[in-house]
Protein backbone atom coordinates (compact mmCIF):
# COMPACT_ATOMS: atom_id res chain seq x y z
CA UNK A 1 4.24 145.37 85.28
CA UNK A 2 5.23 147.79 82.54
CA UNK A 3 5.15 151.54 82.65
CA UNK A 4 5.04 153.86 79.64
CA UNK A 5 7.75 156.46 79.35
CA UNK A 6 6.63 159.41 77.22
CA UNK A 7 9.07 161.75 75.52
CA UNK A 8 7.38 164.42 73.37
CA UNK A 9 8.92 165.56 70.12
CA UNK A 10 12.03 163.33 70.28
CA UNK A 11 13.35 160.26 68.47
CA UNK A 12 13.20 156.71 69.84
CA UNK A 13 16.76 157.03 71.05
CA UNK A 14 15.94 159.97 73.32
CA UNK A 15 12.86 158.17 74.63
CA UNK A 16 15.04 155.23 75.61
CA UNK A 17 17.56 157.53 77.26
CA UNK A 18 14.73 158.90 79.40
CA UNK A 19 13.78 155.30 80.24
CA UNK A 20 17.37 154.68 81.34
CA UNK A 21 17.18 157.67 83.69
CA UNK A 22 14.00 156.18 85.16
CA UNK A 23 15.57 152.75 85.62
CA UNK A 24 19.36 153.33 86.05
CA UNK A 25 19.82 149.71 87.12
CA UNK A 26 18.86 148.48 83.67
CA UNK A 27 15.55 147.88 81.88
CA UNK A 28 13.89 145.68 79.31
CA UNK A 29 11.92 147.15 76.41
CA UNK A 30 8.60 145.42 75.87
CA UNK A 31 6.92 147.64 73.25
CA UNK A 32 6.52 151.07 71.71
CA UNK A 33 4.12 153.15 69.67
CA UNK A 34 4.23 156.42 67.80
CA UNK A 35 1.49 158.87 68.82
CA UNK A 36 1.28 160.45 65.40
CA UNK A 37 3.08 160.11 62.09
CA UNK A 38 6.34 161.84 61.28
CA UNK A 39 9.99 161.21 62.03
CA UNK A 40 9.99 163.42 65.12
CA UNK A 41 6.48 162.73 66.35
CA UNK A 42 5.98 161.83 70.04
CA UNK A 43 7.03 158.30 71.00
CA UNK A 44 5.83 156.16 73.88
CA UNK A 45 8.10 153.34 75.04
CA UNK A 46 6.89 150.64 77.42
CA UNK A 47 9.66 149.34 79.67
CA UNK A 48 10.10 147.32 82.82
CA UNK A 49 13.04 147.05 85.23
CA UNK A 50 15.66 144.49 84.28
CA UNK A 51 15.84 141.40 86.48
CA UNK A 52 18.59 138.83 86.68
CA UNK A 53 16.34 136.10 85.27
CA UNK A 54 16.30 137.77 81.85
CA UNK A 55 18.20 135.66 79.33
CA UNK A 56 21.82 136.78 79.56
CA UNK A 57 22.24 136.48 75.81
CA UNK A 58 20.20 139.66 75.48
CA UNK A 59 23.13 141.55 76.92
CA UNK A 60 24.93 140.97 73.64
CA UNK A 61 22.35 142.91 71.66
CA UNK A 62 23.13 146.52 70.81
CA UNK A 63 20.69 149.21 71.88
CA UNK A 64 21.94 151.64 69.26
CA UNK A 65 21.57 149.15 66.41
CA UNK A 66 18.01 148.44 67.47
CA UNK A 67 17.04 152.10 67.74
CA UNK A 68 18.77 153.38 64.62
CA UNK A 69 17.16 150.63 62.57
CA UNK A 70 13.67 151.94 63.25
CA UNK A 71 12.02 153.89 60.45
CA UNK A 72 8.82 155.89 60.59
CA UNK A 73 7.43 153.88 57.71
CA UNK A 74 7.78 150.50 59.47
CA UNK A 75 4.67 148.78 60.65
CA UNK A 76 3.99 148.74 64.37
CA UNK A 77 4.06 144.95 64.46
CA UNK A 78 7.51 144.71 62.87
CA UNK A 79 8.90 147.40 65.16
CA UNK A 80 7.51 145.77 68.30
CA UNK A 81 8.91 142.39 67.24
CA UNK A 82 12.40 143.84 66.90
CA UNK A 83 12.37 145.96 70.04
CA UNK A 84 10.89 143.25 72.25
CA UNK A 85 14.22 141.41 71.99
CA UNK A 86 16.21 144.51 72.94
CA UNK A 87 17.84 144.98 76.29
CA UNK A 88 19.88 147.74 77.91
CA UNK A 89 22.86 146.08 79.67
CA UNK A 90 23.07 146.59 83.41
CA UNK A 91 26.64 147.86 83.72
CA UNK A 92 26.28 147.81 87.51
CA UNK A 93 26.58 144.02 87.21
CA UNK A 94 30.13 144.35 85.91
CA UNK A 95 32.47 142.79 88.42
CA UNK A 96 35.44 144.90 89.58
CA UNK A 97 38.61 143.60 91.22
CA UNK A 98 41.67 145.90 91.16
CA UNK A 99 43.95 142.84 91.49
CA UNK A 100 46.48 144.55 93.74
CA UNK A 101 49.45 142.67 95.25
CA UNK A 102 48.91 141.47 98.80
CA UNK A 103 51.58 142.52 101.31
CA UNK A 104 53.67 139.57 102.44
CA UNK A 105 52.44 137.30 99.63
CA UNK A 106 54.41 136.51 96.49
CA UNK A 107 52.48 136.66 93.22
CA UNK A 108 53.10 135.85 89.55
CA UNK A 109 50.88 137.65 87.03
CA UNK A 110 50.79 136.66 83.35
CA UNK A 111 49.51 139.11 80.72
CA UNK A 112 48.00 138.02 77.41
CA UNK A 113 46.33 139.95 74.62
CA UNK A 114 45.82 140.26 70.90
CA UNK A 115 48.57 141.92 68.81
CA UNK A 116 48.42 145.69 69.22
CA UNK A 117 46.38 145.59 72.42
CA UNK A 118 49.27 147.06 74.43
CA UNK A 119 50.32 144.13 76.62
CA UNK A 120 53.92 145.32 76.96
CA UNK A 121 52.83 148.88 77.78
CA UNK A 122 50.44 147.56 80.43
CA UNK A 123 53.20 145.43 82.00
CA UNK A 124 55.57 148.41 82.01
CA UNK A 125 52.94 150.72 83.45
CA UNK A 126 51.99 148.34 86.24
CA UNK A 127 55.63 147.67 87.09
CA UNK A 128 56.27 151.39 87.36
CA UNK A 129 53.16 151.96 89.45
CA UNK A 130 53.46 149.00 91.83
CA UNK A 131 57.23 148.74 92.42
CA UNK A 132 58.04 150.14 95.85
CA UNK A 133 54.40 150.36 96.90
CA UNK A 134 53.70 148.64 100.24
CA UNK A 135 57.14 146.98 100.06
CA UNK A 136 56.30 145.45 96.68
CA UNK A 137 59.33 144.54 94.56
CA UNK A 138 58.78 143.77 90.89
CA UNK A 139 60.58 141.42 88.52
CA UNK A 140 59.93 141.10 84.78
CA UNK A 141 59.84 138.19 82.35
CA UNK A 142 59.44 138.38 78.59
CA UNK A 143 57.77 135.16 77.46
CA UNK A 144 59.12 135.17 73.93
CA UNK A 145 62.25 135.44 71.84
CA UNK A 146 64.76 138.29 71.89
CA UNK A 147 62.81 140.30 69.30
CA UNK A 148 59.80 140.36 71.59
CA UNK A 149 61.98 141.09 74.62
CA UNK A 150 63.35 144.17 72.83
CA UNK A 151 60.09 145.99 73.53
CA UNK A 152 60.30 145.49 77.29
CA UNK A 153 64.06 145.64 77.84
CA UNK A 154 64.48 149.46 77.52
CA UNK A 155 61.99 149.95 80.35
CA UNK A 156 63.66 147.29 82.51
CA UNK A 157 67.09 148.84 81.98
CA UNK A 158 65.86 152.38 82.68
CA UNK A 159 63.99 151.37 85.83
CA UNK A 160 66.66 149.01 87.12
CA UNK A 161 64.24 146.07 87.40
CA UNK A 162 65.55 142.53 86.83
CA UNK A 163 64.31 140.92 83.61
CA UNK A 164 64.55 137.43 82.16
CA UNK A 165 63.66 136.04 78.73
CA UNK A 166 62.05 132.60 78.47
CA UNK A 167 59.71 130.85 76.05
CA UNK A 168 58.74 127.33 77.13
CA UNK A 169 56.73 126.52 80.22
CA UNK A 170 59.66 124.97 82.06
CA UNK A 171 61.92 127.90 81.20
CA UNK A 172 59.27 130.35 82.40
CA UNK A 173 58.88 128.45 85.67
CA UNK A 174 62.66 128.50 86.16
CA UNK A 175 62.82 132.23 85.39
CA UNK A 176 60.03 132.95 87.87
CA UNK A 177 61.82 130.86 90.50
CA UNK A 178 65.04 132.80 89.90
CA UNK A 179 63.10 135.97 90.74
CA UNK A 180 62.06 134.51 94.08
CA UNK A 181 63.48 137.53 95.87
CA UNK A 182 60.82 139.67 94.13
CA UNK A 183 57.32 139.76 95.60
CA UNK A 184 55.61 140.36 92.25
CA UNK A 185 56.65 138.89 88.89
CA UNK A 186 55.00 140.30 85.74
CA UNK A 187 55.16 138.15 82.59
CA UNK A 188 54.71 139.73 79.16
CA UNK A 189 53.36 137.20 76.63
CA UNK A 190 53.56 137.98 72.89
CA UNK A 191 50.32 139.11 71.29
CA UNK A 192 48.03 136.28 70.18
CA UNK A 193 44.51 136.65 68.82
CA UNK A 194 41.74 134.18 67.93
CA UNK A 195 43.40 133.39 64.57
CA UNK A 196 46.83 132.68 66.07
CA UNK A 197 46.10 129.04 66.84
CA UNK A 198 49.68 127.79 67.17
CA UNK A 199 50.75 130.68 69.40
CA UNK A 200 47.65 130.33 71.57
CA UNK A 201 48.37 126.62 71.99
CA UNK A 202 51.93 127.45 73.05
CA UNK A 203 50.60 130.06 75.49
CA UNK A 204 48.15 127.55 76.96
CA UNK A 205 50.89 124.99 77.54
CA UNK A 206 53.23 127.57 79.05
CA UNK A 207 50.53 128.87 81.39
CA UNK A 208 49.65 125.35 82.46
CA UNK A 209 53.28 124.64 83.39
CA UNK A 210 53.78 128.04 84.98
CA UNK A 211 50.53 128.09 87.01
CA UNK A 212 50.61 131.88 87.61
CA UNK A 213 48.71 133.49 90.43
CA UNK A 214 46.66 135.59 87.98
CA UNK A 215 46.17 135.66 84.21
CA UNK A 216 45.26 139.15 83.00
CA UNK A 217 43.72 139.61 79.55
CA UNK A 218 44.43 142.99 77.93
CA UNK A 219 41.39 144.11 75.93
CA UNK A 220 41.64 147.16 73.60
CA UNK A 221 38.60 149.39 74.05
CA UNK A 222 38.81 150.68 70.47
CA UNK A 223 38.50 147.24 68.84
CA UNK A 224 35.46 146.03 66.95
CA UNK A 225 32.83 144.58 69.29
CA UNK A 226 32.81 141.18 67.60
CA UNK A 227 36.61 141.07 67.82
CA UNK A 228 36.44 141.88 71.54
CA UNK A 229 33.94 139.10 72.13
CA UNK A 230 36.11 136.60 70.25
CA UNK A 231 39.21 137.70 72.16
CA UNK A 232 37.46 137.26 75.50
CA UNK A 233 36.25 133.80 74.48
CA UNK A 234 39.83 132.79 73.71
CA UNK A 235 41.28 134.33 76.87
CA UNK A 236 38.58 132.65 78.96
CA UNK A 237 39.82 129.34 77.58
CA UNK A 238 43.33 130.35 78.62
CA UNK A 239 42.04 130.81 82.18
CA UNK A 240 41.94 134.62 82.34
CA UNK A 241 41.10 135.82 85.84
CA UNK A 242 41.07 139.59 85.23
CA UNK A 243 40.72 142.11 82.41
CA UNK A 244 42.79 145.21 81.74
CA UNK A 245 40.91 147.59 79.43
CA UNK A 246 43.50 149.40 77.29
CA UNK A 247 43.42 152.24 74.74
CA UNK A 248 40.37 153.72 76.45
CA UNK A 249 40.78 157.28 75.22
CA UNK A 250 41.17 156.01 71.64
CA UNK A 251 37.71 154.43 71.64
CA UNK A 252 34.86 156.39 70.07
CA UNK A 253 32.38 154.60 72.33
CA UNK A 254 32.88 152.47 75.44
CA UNK A 255 29.56 150.62 75.25
CA UNK A 256 30.86 147.66 73.16
CA UNK A 257 33.78 147.02 75.51
CA UNK A 258 31.67 147.30 78.67
CA UNK A 259 29.02 145.03 77.23
CA UNK A 260 31.60 142.41 76.19
CA UNK A 261 33.16 142.46 79.67
CA UNK A 262 29.76 142.11 81.37
CA UNK A 263 28.93 139.12 79.15
CA UNK A 264 32.29 137.45 79.83
CA UNK A 265 31.83 137.48 83.60
CA UNK A 266 35.54 138.23 84.10
CA UNK A 267 36.22 141.09 86.55
CA UNK A 268 37.74 144.33 85.31
CA UNK A 269 40.96 145.16 87.16
CA UNK A 270 42.71 148.09 85.46
CA UNK A 271 41.99 150.81 82.92
CA UNK A 272 44.72 152.14 80.60
CA UNK A 273 44.37 155.41 78.72
CA UNK A 274 46.14 156.00 75.42
CA UNK A 275 49.31 154.39 74.17
CA UNK A 276 51.99 155.88 76.43
CA UNK A 277 54.11 153.52 78.47
CA UNK A 278 53.93 154.94 81.97
CA UNK A 279 51.48 156.78 84.16
CA UNK A 280 48.33 155.97 82.19
CA UNK A 281 46.96 153.07 84.25
CA UNK A 282 44.39 153.39 87.01
CA UNK A 283 42.59 150.73 89.05
CA UNK A 284 39.03 150.11 87.88
CA UNK A 285 36.43 151.59 90.20
CA UNK A 286 32.64 151.63 90.38
CA UNK A 287 32.69 155.41 89.90
CA UNK A 288 34.59 154.99 86.64
CA UNK A 289 32.06 152.43 85.39
CA UNK A 290 29.18 154.74 86.30
CA UNK A 291 30.79 157.65 84.45
CA UNK A 292 31.65 155.50 81.45
CA UNK A 293 28.15 154.02 81.16
CA UNK A 294 26.66 157.50 81.56
CA UNK A 295 28.85 158.81 78.75
CA UNK A 296 27.72 155.88 76.60
CA UNK A 297 24.06 156.84 76.87
CA UNK A 298 24.79 160.54 76.53
CA UNK A 299 26.74 159.85 73.34
CA UNK A 300 23.91 157.73 71.99
């Protein structure tokens, strides 16, 4: 059953924000009408609570694009046809798993991401944060040539953590084995995006030989939404088990990143703010998601 949500003297966007406050768990828009003519005339939006049976593809649609495309001159039929396909993503469905090391268990985490996403900074930040915590000892591997290793080596030298450089799958497995005295091994893979076919193929082969405990995909929050979706499709094929959302404070809006993560079904593990190397990573929490999704609607 639908219920009308009335918002006097406001645009469609504000009416939908009021609908979100009524149904914080997510809602589906089924129709709307303008009470009288004029750009800022009262608007009535008919909504109903979102249920899991709704086609998941709707989660890819953008609320803002749907709302901003409406014009006062459009016919009611055309407007209802467009809005009927709209859907406000239920960010509470986003899976969260901090992906913390388990005491007494050895783990190997591989990190992949598109060029510029901050994979090396994430690896450095996690190494700094986790080393020495609950008896966790960290070892580092740069899965590339010496030019790629040059980005990680200054941190390894300054922190006193052991670091190896290896490229092929067998060499990576041998390097990880040589760090057997370390409870957590972090592997920094060179950036590879959807267009880097040869490098992605090499990554896939290396990961298959290495068989890491976790594969973490680093997703930049300030990237274009379509680019984020394509990156997540590629990293899903690589076997990504967790997502690290990077460059959060550089993103004008967090809605595209949150929506892409929800659609991927991969749990969010860590959140990285800015482009500094250390001290900017925090475990993902439900409170952070609630605040982020609230800021999305407020900014809309």
